[in-house]
Amino acid sequence: QVQLVESGGGLVQAGGSLRLSCAVSGRTNRRYAMGWFRQAPGKEREFVAAIDWSGIRTAYADSVKGRFTISRDNAKNTVYLQMNSLKPEDTAVYYCAADSRITPATWRALGEYDYWGQGTQVTVSS
């Protein structure tokens, strides 16, 4: 089993920044691709960003491209999401997800991930 714990959420003004962290524990000897998703009230959960195990390859939703950066530190079993130039529409619960078999072609599909964290709230005020 794998446990994912997100942290770093909070309240920030529009234009501000936050860095989310996702700590991975349990079966960490596998090469997990990691994704970040978010869910706003009344909306479906949507893809935000993903990164492969090596940290070299990444992907972003168009809505966050150029503002958000995903990265990872495998020595610390942690994945990060640096969020800059935040907008009120970025307000959501942010979830990290992991899977050892997923390929870049399906990174954006939330159903492809086996493991999920509990989420962390990000609120951006205007």
Foldseek 3Di string as FASTA:
>chain_A
DKAKAKDWADEEAAQAKIKMKIAIDDPLPFFKKKFKWWDDPPGDIWGAKIAGSVQPDMDGDPVQPPFWDWGDDSVRRMIMIIGGRDDQVVWTWMKMFIDRPDDPVCRGPPVVTDYIYPTDTHGYHD
